[in-house]
Amino acid sequence: MKTVFVLSNSWVLMGEVYFRGPRTYRIRYASVVRRWGTSNGVGEIPTKLTILDSIPGSVTIERARVLFSFDVPK
């Protein structure tokens, strides 16, 4: 399952969380959400209009930087 993270510095990342540490998340298959491409809320993502910029490897983000997150059922 993919998770979307909205970060305090205006970045939005989506990927598979594979480690939840006390201060960090590790995300694989991560992408930056450049364009949502939805017309009926974020529950639609990804759509054909969604633009995702892939990040090679894995990403570590600090929990303190996460404003909110949600799982994407697709």
C-alpha atoms as a PDB file:
ATOM      1  CA  MET A   1       0.000   0.000   0.000  1.00  0.00           C
ATOM      2  CA  LYS A   2       1.272   3.463  -0.813  1.00  0.00           C
ATOM      3  CA  THR A   3       1.177   6.367   1.618  1.00  0.00           C
ATOM      4  CA  VAL A   4       1.120  10.089   0.834  1.00  0.00           C
ATOM      5  CA  PHE A   5       3.117  12.370   3.139  1.00  0.00           C
ATOM      6  CA  VAL A   6       2.548  16.127   3.200  1.00  0.00           C
ATOM      7  CA  LEU A   7       5.693  17.704   4.636  1.00  0.00           C
ATOM      8  CA  SER A   8       6.199  21.028   6.407  1.00  0.00           C
ATOM      9  CA  ASN A   9       8.383  22.398   3.608  1.00  0.00           C
ATOM     10  CA  SER A  10       5.578  21.988   1.007  1.00  0.00           C
ATOM     11  CA  TRP A  11       6.895  18.734  -0.450  1.00  0.00           C
ATOM     12  CA  VAL A  12       4.412  15.935  -1.041  1.00  0.00           C
ATOM     13  CA  LEU A  13       5.828  12.407  -1.276  1.00  0.00           C
ATOM     14  CA  MET A  14       4.137   9.115  -2.082  1.00  0.00           C
ATOM     15  CA  GLY A  15       5.617   5.649  -1.654  1.00  0.00           C
ATOM     16  CA  GLU A  16       5.686   2.418   0.316  1.00  0.00           C
ATOM     17  CA  VAL A  17       6.657   2.786   3.962  1.00  0.00           C
ATOM     18  CA  TYR A  18       8.949  -0.061   4.986  1.00  0.00           C
ATOM     19  CA  PHE A  19      10.300   1.260   8.286  1.00  0.00           C
ATOM     20  CA  ARG A  20       8.649   3.348  10.983  1.00  0.00           C
ATOM     21  CA  GLY A  21      11.258   4.424  13.472  1.00  0.00           C
ATOM     22  CA  PRO A  22      10.778   6.645  16.521  1.00  0.00           C
ATOM     23  CA  ARG A  23      11.961   9.706  14.567  1.00  0.00           C
ATOM     24  CA  THR A  24      11.942   8.699  10.900  1.00  0.00           C
ATOM     25  CA  TYR A  25      10.072   6.936   8.117  1.00  0.00           C
ATOM     26  CA  ARG A  26      11.871   5.009   5.365  1.00  0.00           C
ATOM     27  CA  ILE A  27      10.031   5.016   2.053  1.00  0.00           C
ATOM     28  CA  ARG A  28      10.771   2.936  -1.044  1.00  0.00           C
ATOM     29  CA  TYR A  29       9.438   3.459  -4.555  1.00  0.00           C
ATOM     30  CA  ALA A  30       9.027   7.103  -3.561  1.00  0.00           C
ATOM     31  CA  SER A  31       7.798   9.856  -5.844  1.00  0.00           C
ATOM     32  CA  VAL A  32       7.227  13.572  -5.491  1.00  0.00           C
ATOM     33  CA  VAL A  33       3.631  14.459  -6.339  1.00  0.00           C
ATOM     34  CA  ARG A  34       4.011  17.306  -8.828  1.00  0.00           C
ATOM     35  CA  ARG A  35       0.368  17.396  -9.947  1.00  0.00           C
ATOM     36  CA  TRP A  36      -2.559  15.709  -8.212  1.00  0.00           C
ATOM     37  CA  GLY A  37      -4.626  15.395 -11.393  1.00  0.00           C
ATOM     38  CA  THR A  38      -7.880  14.815  -9.542  1.00  0.00           C
ATOM     39  CA  SER A  39     -11.323  16.302  -9.908  1.00  0.00           C
ATOM     40  CA  ASN A  40     -13.031  14.680  -6.938  1.00  0.00           C
ATOM     41  CA  GLY A  41     -10.479  14.766  -4.112  1.00  0.00           C
ATOM     42  CA  VAL A  42      -7.194  13.058  -3.362  1.00  0.00           C
ATOM     43  CA  GLY A  43      -8.883   9.685  -2.924  1.00  0.00           C
ATOM     44  CA  GLU A  44      -8.710   9.335  -6.706  1.00  0.00           C
ATOM     45  CA  ILE A  45      -4.920   9.371  -6.985  1.00  0.00           C
ATOM     46  CA  PRO A  46      -3.210   8.278  -9.010  1.00  0.00           C
ATOM     47  CA  THR A  47      -5.173   9.204 -12.131  1.00  0.00           C
ATOM     48  CA  LYS A  48      -4.039   9.538 -15.743  1.00  0.00           C
ATOM     49  CA  LEU A  49      -3.477  13.263 -15.044  1.00  0.00           C
ATOM     50  CA  THR A  50      -1.385  12.737 -11.900  1.00  0.00           C
ATOM     51  CA  ILE A  51       2.292  13.598 -12.408  1.00  0.00           C
ATOM     52  CA  LEU A  52       4.749  11.775 -10.165  1.00  0.00           C
ATOM     53  CA  ASP A  53       8.511  12.395 -10.246  1.00  0.00           C
ATOM     54  CA  SER A  54      10.292   9.190  -9.208  1.00  0.00           C
ATOM     55  CA  ILE A  55      13.065   9.268  -6.627  1.00  0.00           C
ATOM     56  CA  PRO A  56      15.726   6.581  -7.120  1.00  0.00           C
ATOM     57  CA  GLY A  57      16.480   4.356  -4.149  1.00  0.00           C
ATOM     58  CA  SER A  58      14.749   4.993  -0.865  1.00  0.00           C
ATOM     59  CA  VAL A  59      13.959   8.144   1.094  1.00  0.00           C
ATOM     60  CA  THR A  60      14.179   8.881   4.810  1.00  0.00           C
ATOM     61  CA  ILE A  61      11.929  11.593   6.223  1.00  0.00           C
ATOM     62  CA  GLU A  62      11.761  12.958   9.743  1.00  0.00           C
ATOM     63  CA  ARG A  63       8.471  12.392  11.528  1.00  0.00           C
ATOM     64  CA  ALA A  64       8.640  15.967  12.867  1.00  0.00           C
ATOM     65  CA  ARG A  65       8.371  17.268   9.271  1.00  0.00           C
ATOM     66  CA  VAL A  66       5.153  15.371   8.476  1.00  0.00           C
ATOM     67  CA  LEU A  67       2.041  17.548   8.672  1.00  0.00           C
ATOM     68  CA  PHE A  68      -0.245  14.641   7.817  1.00  0.00           C
ATOM     69  CA  SER A  69      -0.274  11.424   5.852  1.00  0.00           C
ATOM     70  CA  PHE A  70      -2.840   9.068   4.355  1.00  0.00           C
ATOM     71  CA  ASP A  71      -2.879   5.689   2.671  1.00  0.00           C
ATOM     72  CA  VAL A  72      -3.794   5.342  -0.997  1.00  0.00           C
ATOM     73  CA  PRO A  73      -5.986   2.267  -1.478  1.00  0.00           C
ATOM     74  CA  LYS A  74      -5.008   1.706  -5.120  1.00  0.00           C
END
